[in-house]
Structure formats: C-alpha cells, structure tokens
Amino acid sequence: MMKRPLVLAIGAGALIVVSGFAWNYFNQAAHEQTHLQLYGNVDVRQVDLSFKIGGRLEAVNFEEGDAVKAGDIVASLEKADFEDQASLAQAAVQSRMAILEKLERGARSEEIAQARAELDARQAAFTFAEATLNRIEPLAAIGADTHQQHDQAQAEHDKAAAAVAAAREALELLVSGSREEDIKAARAALNADEATLSLAQRRLSDTDLAAPNDGVILTRVREPGAVVAAGQPIYTLSLSSPVWVRTYVAEPDLGNIRPGMVAAVRTDSGEQYDGQVGFISPTAEFTPKSVETKELRTSLVYRVRVIVDNPDGGLRQGMPVTVTLQLDAEG
C-alpha cells in the first residue's frame, strides 16, 4: 500500500521536469523565430577626390591621416585664368542687356526731334534743287544754257530727293520703334551670354575641391605646382560614416529579411552600432570561407549589405562583426 503514493509522487515529479524542458524548448524556439543572427565583415567605402576641370594645382590643404569634414576645401587650382573668363562673360552680358534695353525702349524724344530736323533740312535742300532745275530747263530747251549745267542741276535734284526719302524712313523707324524680330534676336543673344557667364562662374567655383563627406585622408596623390587634368585623383578619402557590413544569409532565412529592416551590429569588443539592411543579392553563391555559419560550407547563401552609422569611427576596414536582425511578428 505504501508503494502507490511513492509511484504517484515519482510520476508527478517526472511530469514537472518534462514540462520544464518543454517550456524551455518552445521559449527558445520562439526567440529564434524573432531574431536572426548573421556574421560578416566591415567594408569602409573609399572615394578618389578629383577636380572637374584641369589646371595648375595651387594648394593641397591636408596630409595623409588627417580627418576632414564634409565641405572642407582639401585642394585648390590657380584661379586667375578662370576669374578672367568670368569677367569677360560678365561684360558680354552687360553689353547685351544694354542693347536689348535700347531696343525695347525705342528712340528717345530728343532722337526723334533730331530726325525731324534732319528731314526738314533735306526737304529744304530738295526744294532749292528743284527750283534750280525748273529755272534751267527752259533755258536749256532754247539753247540759252548748256546741257552740262542742266545735267548737273538734274543730278542735284535727284540727290536731294533721295536724301529726303532716307531722312523720312529714318524718322519713321524711330517713331515706330524696334521690330519684334530684332528684340527676340537680342533677347536670345542675351540668354546665350548669360549661359556662358553661368558656365564660367561654375568653372571658377570648381577650382576648389571639397570633401563630399566626413572621412580620413588615406592617400595624397599630387603636390602643389603640378598641372592636373580633369578627373585625375588628388586624394583618396576613406568615408567615416555610414559604413557597410558584408554578410550572408542562408536560403531558408531569405524570406525573413527585407531592405530597410533594423539591424544591431556588435563588434567582438562589445560595442554596438545601429544599422539597417540595404542591398540583398538576387543571386545565390557558395559560402565564402571567411564566413562562419552552422551550415555546411557548400550551402548556398545570399550576400546582404547592412548600412551602419559609425559616429565614433570604431568600425574599421575588415573588422568581424555580428549582425542581429529583429524579424517581423508573423515571420
């Protein structure tokens, strides 16, 4: 009779132990479903800094190993030639603006008055030439005057008539103002000169080479006095932030991640950085030997790029890191 309570007690204890193991197993499984841990290495981006234009290098302002901020002027070209080009273009624009303004405003009242006076003078000269011709013509007809004097009077008459016509047309042009075609042509010429000025000013500003981002100078390629071509590297800059982490995800976990997912990146020393999933490769590849995973080396994986903020510069090129992704609740 005493064996029965003992058996019941042993059974109850065994049930409790089994329940504990089951609870721990399912709790661990639930945790594994909400987090995905990957291993990778840091890739620090580098950029070659170069001028958009060619010229003689006037100054290089940083040495190898110097830290630079975004917008810092790291090098400059000699500016004299580019300043002269900008000045010439500015003068051409001002000249075109004056011509266009004159055409749009038309003639001044003083110019119109002067043209009227010129027409009156030409008209008076024509009247005198016409009277002279009228006086000589009858005399020439009866032989009282020479044909040479008649021809000369006729020429003076015709000359005075032409001068009257020219003065009248000049007055009409001043009064009617410039033609619309002339104004359009002048405006188009002004637009072309303004574009030339904008290009000259932009080339002048391009004589200063600015750092595109915070970083550290890795290599200083050229020295002051050298003549450099457009696109020729002056510095190699290592960008401080953000940096990339190159990691790989196994095919069974591929459906659990997407671009933009929040990532926690932890170094072996325990420092943690914030990041997010960027690029996910569309093609599979064999696991690189530098990647440590639980799967076999021959397993196919997909390359993933994680973009990480690096405010303190603690992430260095090639550094091994652990990436933890928090998966969606339904994943």
C-alpha atoms as a PDB file:
ATOM      1  CA  MET A   1       0.000   0.000   0.000  1.00  0.00           C
ATOM      2  CA  MET A   2       2.870   2.373   0.624  1.00  0.00           C
ATOM      3  CA  LYS A   3       4.240   1.830  -2.912  1.00  0.00           C
ATOM      4  CA  ARG A   4       1.264   3.542  -4.551  1.00  0.00           C
ATOM      5  CA  PRO A   5       1.861   7.067  -3.074  1.00  0.00           C
ATOM      6  CA  LEU A   6       5.552   6.716  -3.921  1.00  0.00           C
ATOM      7  CA  VAL A   7       4.772   5.902  -7.542  1.00  0.00           C
ATOM      8  CA  LEU A   8       2.377   8.816  -7.780  1.00  0.00           C
ATOM      9  CA  ALA A   9       4.975  11.180  -6.329  1.00  0.00           C
ATOM     10  CA  ILE A  10       7.643   9.993  -8.758  1.00  0.00           C
ATOM     11  CA  GLY A  11       5.221  10.387 -11.673  1.00  0.00           C
ATOM     12  CA  ALA A  12       4.265  13.908 -10.650  1.00  0.00           C
ATOM     13  CA  GLY A  13       7.939  14.880 -10.367  1.00  0.00           C
ATOM     14  CA  ALA A  14       8.698  13.444 -13.755  1.00  0.00           C
ATOM     15  CA  LEU A  15       5.789  15.401 -15.271  1.00  0.00           C
ATOM     16  CA  ILE A  16       7.093  18.617 -13.783  1.00  0.00           C
ATOM     17  CA  VAL A  17      10.588  18.006 -15.166  1.00  0.00           C
ATOM     18  CA  VAL A  18       9.255  17.182 -18.626  1.00  0.00           C
ATOM     19  CA  SER A  19       7.043  20.277 -18.583  1.00  0.00           C
ATOM     20  CA  GLY A  20      10.040  22.417 -17.666  1.00  0.00           C
ATOM     21  CA  PHE A  21      12.101  21.059 -20.519  1.00  0.00           C
ATOM     22  CA  ALA A  22       9.200  21.558 -22.922  1.00  0.00           C
ATOM     23  CA  TRP A  23       8.691  25.161 -21.785  1.00  0.00           C
ATOM     24  CA  ASN A  24      12.389  25.958 -22.228  1.00  0.00           C
ATOM     25  CA  TYR A  25      12.422  24.354 -25.682  1.00  0.00           C
ATOM     26  CA  PHE A  26       9.411  26.227 -27.006  1.00  0.00           C
ATOM     27  CA  ASN A  27      10.558  29.502 -25.428  1.00  0.00           C
ATOM     28  CA  GLN A  28      13.956  29.154 -27.135  1.00  0.00           C
ATOM     29  CA  ALA A  29      12.247  28.308 -30.433  1.00  0.00           C
ATOM     30  CA  ALA A  30      10.073  31.401 -30.156  1.00  0.00           C
ATOM     31  CA  HIS A  31      13.184  33.547 -29.531  1.00  0.00           C
ATOM     32  CA  GLU A  32      14.934  32.073 -32.537  1.00  0.00           C
ATOM     33  CA  GLN A  33      11.952  32.957 -34.700  1.00  0.00           C
ATOM     34  CA  THR A  34      12.030  36.611 -33.687  1.00  0.00           C
ATOM     35  CA  HIS A  35      15.757  37.184 -34.201  1.00  0.00           C
ATOM     36  CA  LEU A  36      18.217  36.286 -36.932  1.00  0.00           C
ATOM     37  CA  GLN A  37      21.940  36.382 -36.225  1.00  0.00           C
ATOM     38  CA  LEU A  38      24.450  36.823 -39.050  1.00  0.00           C
ATOM     39  CA  TYR A  39      28.225  37.175 -39.212  1.00  0.00           C
ATOM     40  CA  GLY A  40      30.168  39.462 -41.519  1.00  0.00           C
ATOM     41  CA  ASN A  41      32.927  41.992 -42.012  1.00  0.00           C
ATOM     42  CA  VAL A  42      33.070  45.775 -42.235  1.00  0.00           C
ATOM     43  CA  ASP A  43      33.622  47.415 -45.629  1.00  0.00           C
ATOM     44  CA  VAL A  44      34.767  51.051 -45.357  1.00  0.00           C
ATOM     45  CA  ARG A  45      33.961  52.959 -48.546  1.00  0.00           C
ATOM     46  CA  GLN A  46      36.681  54.925 -50.312  1.00  0.00           C
ATOM     47  CA  VAL A  47      36.438  57.690 -52.914  1.00  0.00           C
ATOM     48  CA  ASP A  48      39.034  59.308 -55.169  1.00  0.00           C
ATOM     49  CA  LEU A  49      38.755  63.109 -54.994  1.00  0.00           C
ATOM     50  CA  SER A  50      39.454  64.947 -58.249  1.00  0.00           C
ATOM     51  CA  PHE A  51      38.691  68.256 -59.979  1.00  0.00           C
ATOM     52  CA  LYS A  52      36.008  68.552 -62.657  1.00  0.00           C
ATOM     53  CA  ILE A  53      38.349  70.839 -64.622  1.00  0.00           C
ATOM     54  CA  GLY A  54      42.063  70.864 -65.405  1.00  0.00           C
ATOM     55  CA  GLY A  55      44.625  73.414 -64.233  1.00  0.00           C
ATOM     56  CA  ARG A  56      47.706  74.065 -62.124  1.00  0.00           C
ATOM     57  CA  LEU A  57      47.412  72.830 -58.549  1.00  0.00           C
ATOM     58  CA  GLU A  58      47.856  75.798 -56.212  1.00  0.00           C
ATOM     59  CA  ALA A  59      47.341  74.244 -52.771  1.00  0.00           C
ATOM     60  CA  VAL A  60      46.711  70.912 -51.055  1.00  0.00           C
ATOM     61  CA  ASN A  61      45.468  71.514 -47.542  1.00  0.00           C
ATOM     62  CA  PHE A  62      45.591  68.094 -45.838  1.00  0.00           C
ATOM     63  CA  GLU A  63      48.110  65.348 -45.204  1.00  0.00           C
ATOM     64  CA  GLU A  64      47.651  61.588 -45.129  1.00  0.00           C
ATOM     65  CA  GLY A  65      45.879  60.528 -41.950  1.00  0.00           C
ATOM     66  CA  ASP A  66      44.132  63.895 -41.445  1.00  0.00           C
ATOM     67  CA  ALA A  67      40.428  63.848 -40.614  1.00  0.00           C
ATOM     68  CA  VAL A  68      38.223  66.054 -42.802  1.00  0.00           C
ATOM     69  CA  LYS A  69      34.624  67.218 -42.527  1.00  0.00           C
ATOM     70  CA  ALA A  70      32.088  67.357 -45.334  1.00  0.00           C
ATOM     71  CA  GLY A  71      32.574  70.627 -47.238  1.00  0.00           C
ATOM     72  CA  ASP A  72      36.204  71.178 -46.218  1.00  0.00           C
ATOM     73  CA  ILE A  73      38.301  72.567 -49.091  1.00  0.00           C
ATOM     74  CA  VAL A  74      41.005  69.955 -49.485  1.00  0.00           C
ATOM     75  CA  ALA A  75      42.749  71.409 -52.577  1.00  0.00           C
ATOM     76  CA  SER A  76      42.605  74.406 -54.960  1.00  0.00           C
ATOM     77  CA  LEU A  77      43.650  75.266 -58.502  1.00  0.00           C
ATOM     78  CA  GLU A  78      45.106  78.603 -59.624  1.00  0.00           C
ATOM     79  CA  LYS A  79      42.146  80.913 -60.239  1.00  0.00           C
ATOM     80  CA  ALA A  80      43.481  83.776 -62.398  1.00  0.00           C
ATOM     81  CA  ASP A  81      42.501  82.348 -65.795  1.00  0.00           C
ATOM     82  CA  PHE A  82      39.057  81.325 -64.595  1.00  0.00           C
ATOM     83  CA  GLU A  83      38.444  84.733 -62.989  1.00  0.00           C
ATOM     84  CA  ASP A  84      39.309  86.446 -66.288  1.00  0.00           C
ATOM     85  CA  GLN A  85      36.907  84.202 -68.182  1.00  0.00           C
ATOM     86  CA  ALA A  86      34.143  85.046 -65.730  1.00  0.00           C
ATOM     87  CA  SER A  87      34.878  88.781 -66.050  1.00  0.00           C
ATOM     88  CA  LEU A  88      34.742  88.637 -69.866  1.00  0.00           C
ATOM     89  CA  ALA A  89      31.454  86.761 -69.746  1.00  0.00           C
ATOM     90  CA  GLN A  90      30.032  89.297 -67.274  1.00  0.00           C
ATOM     91  CA  ALA A  91      30.995  92.199 -69.579  1.00  0.00           C
ATOM     92  CA  ALA A  92      29.364  90.474 -72.562  1.00  0.00           C
ATOM     93  CA  VAL A  93      26.129  90.043 -70.593  1.00  0.00           C
ATOM     94  CA  GLN A  94      26.064  93.701 -69.588  1.00  0.00           C
ATOM     95  CA  SER A  95      26.605  94.775 -73.214  1.00  0.00           C
ATOM     96  CA  ARG A  96      23.767  92.549 -74.433  1.00  0.00           C
ATOM     97  CA  MET A  97      21.468  93.846 -71.704  1.00  0.00           C
ATOM     98  CA  ALA A  98      22.117  97.442 -72.809  1.00  0.00           C
ATOM     99  CA  ILE A  99      21.351  96.595 -76.450  1.00  0.00           C
ATOM    100  CA  LEU A 100      18.136  94.789 -75.538  1.00  0.00           C
ATOM    101  CA  GLU A 101      17.028  97.613 -73.254  1.00  0.00           C
ATOM    102  CA  LYS A 102      17.606 100.146 -76.048  1.00  0.00           C
ATOM    103  CA  LEU A 103      15.545  98.093 -78.486  1.00  0.00           C
ATOM    104  CA  GLU A 104      12.694  97.604 -76.025  1.00  0.00           C
ATOM    105  CA  ARG A 105      12.517 101.256 -75.010  1.00  0.00           C
ATOM    106  CA  GLY A 106      12.770 102.620 -78.539  1.00  0.00           C
ATOM    107  CA  ALA A 107      14.133 106.030 -79.560  1.00  0.00           C
ATOM    108  CA  ARG A 108      14.264 108.946 -77.161  1.00  0.00           C
ATOM    109  CA  SER A 109      12.245 112.086 -77.863  1.00  0.00           C
ATOM    110  CA  GLU A 110      15.471 114.001 -78.495  1.00  0.00           C
ATOM    111  CA  GLU A 111      16.484 111.488 -81.181  1.00  0.00           C
ATOM    112  CA  ILE A 112      13.084 111.802 -82.865  1.00  0.00           C
ATOM    113  CA  ALA A 113      13.312 115.596 -82.797  1.00  0.00           C
ATOM    114  CA  GLN A 114      16.778 115.423 -84.327  1.00  0.00           C
ATOM    115  CA  ALA A 115      15.478 113.120 -87.097  1.00  0.00           C
ATOM    116  CA  ARG A 116      12.655 115.557 -87.867  1.00  0.00           C
ATOM    117  CA  ALA A 117      15.117 118.413 -88.103  1.00  0.00           C
ATOM    118  CA  GLU A 118      17.258 116.343 -90.459  1.00  0.00           C
ATOM    119  CA  LEU A 119      14.203 115.665 -92.642  1.00  0.00           C
ATOM    120  CA  ASP A 120      13.355 119.383 -92.738  1.00  0.00           C
ATOM    121  CA  ALA A 121      16.924 120.197 -93.810  1.00  0.00           C
ATOM    122  CA  ARG A 122      16.820 117.584 -96.539  1.00  0.00           C
ATOM    123  CA  GLN A 123      13.444 118.843 -97.664  1.00  0.00           C
ATOM    124  CA  ALA A 124      14.774 122.415 -97.917  1.00  0.00           C
ATOM    125  CA  ALA A 125      17.743 121.226 -99.976  1.00  0.00           C
ATOM    126  CA  PHE A 126      15.381 119.371-102.286  1.00  0.00           C
ATOM    127  CA  THR A 127      13.196 122.445-102.700  1.00  0.00           C
ATOM    128  CA  PHE A 128      16.219 124.533-103.693  1.00  0.00           C
ATOM    129  CA  ALA A 129      17.466 121.842-106.140  1.00  0.00           C
ATOM    130  CA  GLU A 130      14.006 121.568-107.680  1.00  0.00           C
ATOM    131  CA  ALA A 131      13.751 125.328-108.169  1.00  0.00           C
ATOM    132  CA  THR A 132      17.189 125.417-109.795  1.00  0.00           C
ATOM    133  CA  LEU A 133      16.229 122.602-112.178  1.00  0.00           C
ATOM    134  CA  ASN A 134      12.950 124.324-113.087  1.00  0.00           C
ATOM    135  CA  ARG A 135      14.831 127.522-113.916  1.00  0.00           C
ATOM    136  CA  ILE A 136      17.488 125.823-116.054  1.00  0.00           C
ATOM    137  CA  GLU A 137      15.215 123.504-118.046  1.00  0.00           C
ATOM    138  CA  PRO A 138      13.552 126.251-120.206  1.00  0.00           C
ATOM    139  CA  LEU A 139      16.884 127.901-120.864  1.00  0.00           C
ATOM    140  CA  ALA A 140      18.425 124.618-121.929  1.00  0.00           C
ATOM    141  CA  ALA A 141      15.497 123.971-124.250  1.00  0.00           C
ATOM    142  CA  ILE A 142      16.147 127.190-126.235  1.00  0.00           C
ATOM    143  CA  GLY A 143      19.903 126.843-126.083  1.00  0.00           C
ATOM    144  CA  ALA A 144      20.405 129.701-123.619  1.00  0.00           C
ATOM    145  CA  ASP A 145      22.079 127.351-121.153  1.00  0.00           C
ATOM    146  CA  THR A 146      24.472 124.455-121.610  1.00  0.00           C
ATOM    147  CA  HIS A 147      23.428 120.831-121.390  1.00  0.00           C
ATOM    148  CA  GLN A 148      26.156 120.316-118.786  1.00  0.00           C
ATOM    149  CA  GLN A 149      24.540 122.795-116.405  1.00  0.00           C
ATOM    150  CA  HIS A 150      21.203 121.128-116.967  1.00  0.00           C
ATOM    151  CA  ASP A 151      22.569 117.671-116.238  1.00  0.00           C
ATOM    152  CA  GLN A 152      24.260 118.931-113.081  1.00  0.00           C
ATOM    153  CA  ALA A 153      21.033 120.549-111.871  1.00  0.00           C
ATOM    154  CA  GLN A 154      19.162 117.298-112.582  1.00  0.00           C
ATOM    155  CA  ALA A 155      21.707 115.293-110.574  1.00  0.00           C
ATOM    156  CA  GLU A 156      21.486 117.647-107.626  1.00  0.00           C
ATOM    157  CA  HIS A 157      17.718 117.389-107.760  1.00  0.00           C
ATOM    158  CA  ASP A 158      17.771 113.589-107.738  1.00  0.00           C
ATOM    159  CA  LYS A 159      20.344 113.536-104.946  1.00  0.00           C
ATOM    160  CA  ALA A 160      18.251 115.820-102.784  1.00  0.00           C
ATOM    161  CA  ALA A 161      15.147 113.693-103.424  1.00  0.00           C
ATOM    162  CA  ALA A 162      16.973 110.556-102.295  1.00  0.00           C
ATOM    163  CA  ALA A 163      18.213 112.310 -99.158  1.00  0.00           C
ATOM    164  CA  VAL A 164      14.650 113.348 -98.322  1.00  0.00           C
ATOM    165  CA  ALA A 165      13.432 109.760 -98.718  1.00  0.00           C
ATOM    166  CA  ALA A 166      16.238 108.420 -96.482  1.00  0.00           C
ATOM    167  CA  ALA A 167      15.558 111.022 -93.784  1.00  0.00           C
ATOM    168  CA  ARG A 168      11.840 110.263 -93.878  1.00  0.00           C
ATOM    169  CA  GLU A 169      12.440 106.498 -93.473  1.00  0.00           C
ATOM    170  CA  ALA A 170      14.857 107.113 -90.583  1.00  0.00           C
ATOM    171  CA  LEU A 171      12.233 109.215 -88.826  1.00  0.00           C
ATOM    172  CA  GLU A 172       9.543 106.580 -89.359  1.00  0.00           C
ATOM    173  CA  LEU A 173      11.814 103.861 -87.896  1.00  0.00           C
ATOM    174  CA  LEU A 174      12.470 105.934 -84.799  1.00  0.00           C
ATOM    175  CA  VAL A 175       8.790 106.696 -84.319  1.00  0.00           C
ATOM    176  CA  SER A 176       7.587 103.077 -84.871  1.00  0.00           C
ATOM    177  CA  GLY A 177      10.291 101.592 -82.645  1.00  0.00           C
ATOM    178  CA  SER A 178      12.240  98.327 -82.997  1.00  0.00           C
ATOM    179  CA  ARG A 179      10.825  95.330 -84.778  1.00  0.00           C
ATOM    180  CA  GLU A 180       9.754  92.360 -82.669  1.00  0.00           C
ATOM    181  CA  GLU A 181      12.175  90.134 -84.578  1.00  0.00           C
ATOM    182  CA  ASP A 182      15.113  92.344 -83.582  1.00  0.00           C
ATOM    183  CA  ILE A 183      14.035  92.288 -79.948  1.00  0.00           C
ATOM    184  CA  LYS A 184      13.717  88.487 -79.972  1.00  0.00           C
ATOM    185  CA  ALA A 185      17.148  88.123 -81.555  1.00  0.00           C
ATOM    186  CA  ALA A 186      18.680  90.432 -78.951  1.00  0.00           C
ATOM    187  CA  ARG A 187      16.989  88.523 -76.124  1.00  0.00           C
ATOM    188  CA  ALA A 188      18.249  85.176 -77.471  1.00  0.00           C
ATOM    189  CA  ALA A 189      21.786  86.579 -77.682  1.00  0.00           C
ATOM    190  CA  LEU A 190      21.481  87.752 -74.070  1.00  0.00           C
ATOM    191  CA  ASN A 191      20.353  84.286 -72.960  1.00  0.00           C
ATOM    192  CA  ALA A 192      23.376  82.748 -74.676  1.00  0.00           C
ATOM    193  CA  ASP A 193      25.760  85.181 -72.976  1.00  0.00           C
ATOM    194  CA  GLU A 194      24.124  84.517 -69.593  1.00  0.00           C
ATOM    195  CA  ALA A 195      24.646  80.768 -70.094  1.00  0.00           C
ATOM    196  CA  THR A 196      28.290  81.430 -70.916  1.00  0.00           C
ATOM    197  CA  LEU A 197      28.601  83.507 -67.739  1.00  0.00           C
ATOM    198  CA  SER A 198      26.977  80.758 -65.645  1.00  0.00           C
ATOM    199  CA  LEU A 199      29.411  78.213 -67.060  1.00  0.00           C
ATOM    200  CA  ALA A 200      32.401  80.491 -66.375  1.00  0.00           C
ATOM    201  CA  GLN A 201      31.271  81.070 -62.783  1.00  0.00           C
ATOM    202  CA  ARG A 202      30.725  77.356 -62.241  1.00  0.00           C
ATOM    203  CA  ARG A 203      34.180  76.575 -63.590  1.00  0.00           C
ATOM    204  CA  LEU A 204      35.598  79.190 -61.236  1.00  0.00           C
ATOM    205  CA  SER A 205      33.871  77.564 -58.258  1.00  0.00           C
ATOM    206  CA  ASP A 206      35.176  74.174 -59.416  1.00  0.00           C
ATOM    207  CA  THR A 207      38.735  75.363 -58.754  1.00  0.00           C
ATOM    208  CA  ASP A 208      38.079  74.470 -55.093  1.00  0.00           C
ATOM    209  CA  LEU A 209      37.860  70.754 -54.291  1.00  0.00           C
ATOM    210  CA  ALA A 210      35.569  69.990 -51.326  1.00  0.00           C
ATOM    211  CA  ALA A 211      35.283  66.775 -49.317  1.00  0.00           C
ATOM    212  CA  PRO A 212      31.909  65.112 -50.046  1.00  0.00           C
ATOM    213  CA  ASN A 213      31.657  63.520 -46.604  1.00  0.00           C
ATOM    214  CA  ASP A 214      33.402  63.151 -43.274  1.00  0.00           C
ATOM    215  CA  GLY A 215      36.422  60.897 -43.555  1.00  0.00           C
ATOM    216  CA  VAL A 216      40.145  60.349 -43.263  1.00  0.00           C
ATOM    217  CA  ILE A 217      42.736  61.080 -45.950  1.00  0.00           C
ATOM    218  CA  LEU A 218      44.278  57.747 -46.962  1.00  0.00           C
ATOM    219  CA  THR A 219      46.489  58.889 -49.835  1.00  0.00           C
ATOM    220  CA  ARG A 220      47.728  62.271 -51.065  1.00  0.00           C
ATOM    221  CA  VAL A 221      48.469  61.760 -54.757  1.00  0.00           C
ATOM    222  CA  ARG A 222      49.528  65.192 -56.125  1.00  0.00           C
ATOM    223  CA  GLU A 223      51.571  68.142 -54.879  1.00  0.00           C
ATOM    224  CA  PRO A 224      51.269  71.944 -55.421  1.00  0.00           C
ATOM    225  CA  GLY A 225      52.548  73.166 -58.782  1.00  0.00           C
ATOM    226  CA  ALA A 226      51.536  70.066 -60.697  1.00  0.00           C
ATOM    227  CA  VAL A 227      49.335  70.507 -63.763  1.00  0.00           C
ATOM    228  CA  VAL A 228      46.405  68.130 -63.376  1.00  0.00           C
ATOM    229  CA  ALA A 229      43.733  67.031 -65.823  1.00  0.00           C
ATOM    230  CA  ALA A 230      40.039  66.831 -65.099  1.00  0.00           C
ATOM    231  CA  GLY A 231      39.247  63.642 -63.194  1.00  0.00           C
ATOM    232  CA  GLN A 232      42.842  62.995 -62.116  1.00  0.00           C
ATOM    233  CA  PRO A 233      42.876  61.855 -58.442  1.00  0.00           C
ATOM    234  CA  ILE A 234      44.292  64.293 -55.893  1.00  0.00           C
ATOM    235  CA  TYR A 235      43.372  62.390 -52.705  1.00  0.00           C
ATOM    236  CA  THR A 236      41.909  59.051 -51.698  1.00  0.00           C
ATOM    237  CA  LEU A 237      39.368  59.574 -48.914  1.00  0.00           C
ATOM    238  CA  SER A 238      38.059  56.899 -46.552  1.00  0.00           C
ATOM    239  CA  LEU A 239      34.466  57.773 -45.623  1.00  0.00           C
ATOM    240  CA  SER A 240      33.768  57.626 -41.898  1.00  0.00           C
ATOM    241  CA  SER A 241      30.022  57.100 -41.892  1.00  0.00           C
ATOM    242  CA  PRO A 242      27.977  55.302 -42.897  1.00  0.00           C
ATOM    243  CA  VAL A 243      29.953  52.124 -43.475  1.00  0.00           C
ATOM    244  CA  TRP A 244      28.838  48.817 -44.931  1.00  0.00           C
ATOM    245  CA  VAL A 245      28.827  45.372 -43.384  1.00  0.00           C
ATOM    246  CA  ARG A 246      29.090  42.490 -45.850  1.00  0.00           C
ATOM    247  CA  THR A 247      27.318  39.422 -44.574  1.00  0.00           C
ATOM    248  CA  TYR A 248      25.484  36.379 -45.950  1.00  0.00           C
ATOM    249  CA  VAL A 249      22.102  34.798 -45.239  1.00  0.00           C
ATOM    250  CA  ALA A 250      21.204  31.166 -45.827  1.00  0.00           C
ATOM    251  CA  GLU A 251      18.442  30.371 -48.313  1.00  0.00           C
ATOM    252  CA  PRO A 252      15.918  29.150 -45.646  1.00  0.00           C
ATOM    253  CA  ASP A 253      16.174  32.541 -43.895  1.00  0.00           C
ATOM    254  CA  LEU A 254      15.993  34.638 -47.068  1.00  0.00           C
ATOM    255  CA  GLY A 255      12.248  35.126 -46.832  1.00  0.00           C
ATOM    256  CA  ASN A 256      12.558  36.617 -43.340  1.00  0.00           C
ATOM    257  CA  ILE A 257      14.591  39.682 -44.280  1.00  0.00           C
ATOM    258  CA  ARG A 258      13.905  42.718 -46.472  1.00  0.00           C
ATOM    259  CA  PRO A 259      15.602  46.043 -47.249  1.00  0.00           C
ATOM    260  CA  GLY A 260      15.104  48.615 -44.515  1.00  0.00           C
ATOM    261  CA  MET A 261      14.982  46.173 -41.610  1.00  0.00           C
ATOM    262  CA  VAL A 262      16.586  47.479 -38.424  1.00  0.00           C
ATOM    263  CA  ALA A 263      19.893  45.810 -37.590  1.00  0.00           C
ATOM    264  CA  ALA A 264      22.083  45.806 -34.496  1.00  0.00           C
ATOM    265  CA  VAL A 265      25.784  45.419 -35.280  1.00  0.00           C
ATOM    266  CA  ARG A 266      28.079  44.275 -32.458  1.00  0.00           C
ATOM    267  CA  THR A 267      31.880  44.030 -32.500  1.00  0.00           C
ATOM    268  CA  ASP A 268      33.908  41.404 -30.675  1.00  0.00           C
ATOM    269  CA  SER A 269      34.807  44.048 -28.085  1.00  0.00           C
ATOM    270  CA  GLY A 270      31.115  44.527 -27.258  1.00  0.00           C
ATOM    271  CA  GLU A 271      30.480  47.875 -28.971  1.00  0.00           C
ATOM    272  CA  GLN A 272      27.073  48.085 -30.656  1.00  0.00           C
ATOM    273  CA  TYR A 273      26.021  50.216 -33.638  1.00  0.00           C
ATOM    274  CA  ASP A 274      22.700  50.946 -35.330  1.00  0.00           C
ATOM    275  CA  GLY A 275      22.114  49.995 -38.931  1.00  0.00           C
ATOM    276  CA  GLN A 276      19.615  48.755 -41.471  1.00  0.00           C
ATOM    277  CA  VAL A 277      19.512  46.201 -44.251  1.00  0.00           C
ATOM    278  CA  GLY A 278      20.353  47.732 -47.606  1.00  0.00           C
ATOM    279  CA  PHE A 279      21.156  45.549 -50.595  1.00  0.00           C
ATOM    280  CA  ILE A 280      20.111  41.866 -50.816  1.00  0.00           C
ATOM    281  CA  SER A 281      21.713  39.968 -53.687  1.00  0.00           C
ATOM    282  CA  PRO A 282      19.266  38.410 -56.158  1.00  0.00           C
ATOM    283  CA  THR A 283      21.678  35.568 -56.956  1.00  0.00           C
ATOM    284  CA  ALA A 284      22.965  32.727 -54.789  1.00  0.00           C
ATOM    285  CA  GLU A 285      26.623  31.870 -54.237  1.00  0.00           C
ATOM    286  CA  PHE A 286      28.689  29.438 -52.211  1.00  0.00           C
ATOM    287  CA  THR A 287      29.504  30.485 -48.673  1.00  0.00           C
ATOM    288  CA  PRO A 288      32.890  32.288 -48.546  1.00  0.00           C
ATOM    289  CA  LYS A 289      35.464  30.689 -46.286  1.00  0.00           C
ATOM    290  CA  SER A 290      35.665  33.831 -44.146  1.00  0.00           C
ATOM    291  CA  VAL A 291      32.032  33.425 -43.061  1.00  0.00           C
ATOM    292  CA  GLU A 292      31.290  31.286 -40.024  1.00  0.00           C
ATOM    293  CA  THR A 293      27.863  29.618 -40.079  1.00  0.00           C
ATOM    294  CA  LYS A 294      26.353  26.459 -38.685  1.00  0.00           C
ATOM    295  CA  GLU A 295      25.535  25.179 -42.177  1.00  0.00           C
ATOM    296  CA  LEU A 296      27.958  23.334 -44.391  1.00  0.00           C
ATOM    297  CA  ARG A 297      30.488  25.333 -46.423  1.00  0.00           C
ATOM    298  CA  THR A 298      28.843  24.173 -49.615  1.00  0.00           C
ATOM    299  CA  SER A 299      25.461  25.642 -48.671  1.00  0.00           C
ATOM    300  CA  LEU A 300      24.163  28.370 -50.935  1.00  0.00           C
ATOM    301  CA  VAL A 301      23.792  31.788 -49.366  1.00  0.00           C
ATOM    302  CA  TYR A 302      22.814  35.296 -50.488  1.00  0.00           C
ATOM    303  CA  ARG A 303      25.010  38.331 -49.952  1.00  0.00           C
ATOM    304  CA  VAL A 304      23.482  41.101 -47.808  1.00  0.00           C
ATOM    305  CA  ARG A 305      24.753  44.630 -47.287  1.00  0.00           C
ATOM    306  CA  VAL A 306      23.955  46.295 -43.962  1.00  0.00           C
ATOM    307  CA  ILE A 307      24.380  50.080 -43.773  1.00  0.00           C
ATOM    308  CA  VAL A 308      25.699  51.123 -40.361  1.00  0.00           C
ATOM    309  CA  ASP A 309      26.151  54.516 -38.682  1.00  0.00           C
ATOM    310  CA  ASN A 310      29.722  54.905 -37.447  1.00  0.00           C
ATOM    311  CA  PRO A 311      29.699  58.124 -35.391  1.00  0.00           C
ATOM    312  CA  ASP A 312      32.794  57.307 -33.308  1.00  0.00           C
ATOM    313  CA  GLY A 313      34.837  55.770 -36.116  1.00  0.00           C
ATOM    314  CA  GLY A 314      35.085  52.491 -34.214  1.00  0.00           C
ATOM    315  CA  LEU A 315      34.262  50.314 -37.221  1.00  0.00           C
ATOM    316  CA  ARG A 316      37.394  49.668 -39.272  1.00  0.00           C
ATOM    317  CA  GLN A 317      38.018  48.008 -42.613  1.00  0.00           C
ATOM    318  CA  GLY A 318      37.703  44.188 -42.448  1.00  0.00           C
ATOM    319  CA  MET A 319      36.601  44.112 -38.787  1.00  0.00           C
ATOM    320  CA  PRO A 320      34.477  40.992 -37.988  1.00  0.00           C
ATOM    321  CA  VAL A 321      31.047  41.823 -36.549  1.00  0.00           C
ATOM    322  CA  THR A 322      27.829  40.120 -35.539  1.00  0.00           C
ATOM    323  CA  VAL A 323      24.579  41.360 -37.084  1.00  0.00           C
ATOM    324  CA  THR A 324      21.278  40.766 -35.290  1.00  0.00           C
ATOM    325  CA  LEU A 325      18.005  41.310 -37.172  1.00  0.00           C
ATOM    326  CA  GLN A 326      14.671  41.514 -35.398  1.00  0.00           C
ATOM    327  CA  LEU A 327      12.166  39.669 -37.571  1.00  0.00           C
ATOM    328  CA  ASP A 328       8.515  40.521 -38.083  1.00  0.00           C
ATOM    329  CA  ALA A 329       5.985  39.031 -35.665  1.00  0.00           C
ATOM    330  CA  GLU A 330       4.383  36.884 -38.380  1.00  0.00           C
ATOM    331  CA  GLY A 331       7.841  35.646 -39.529  1.00  0.00           C
END
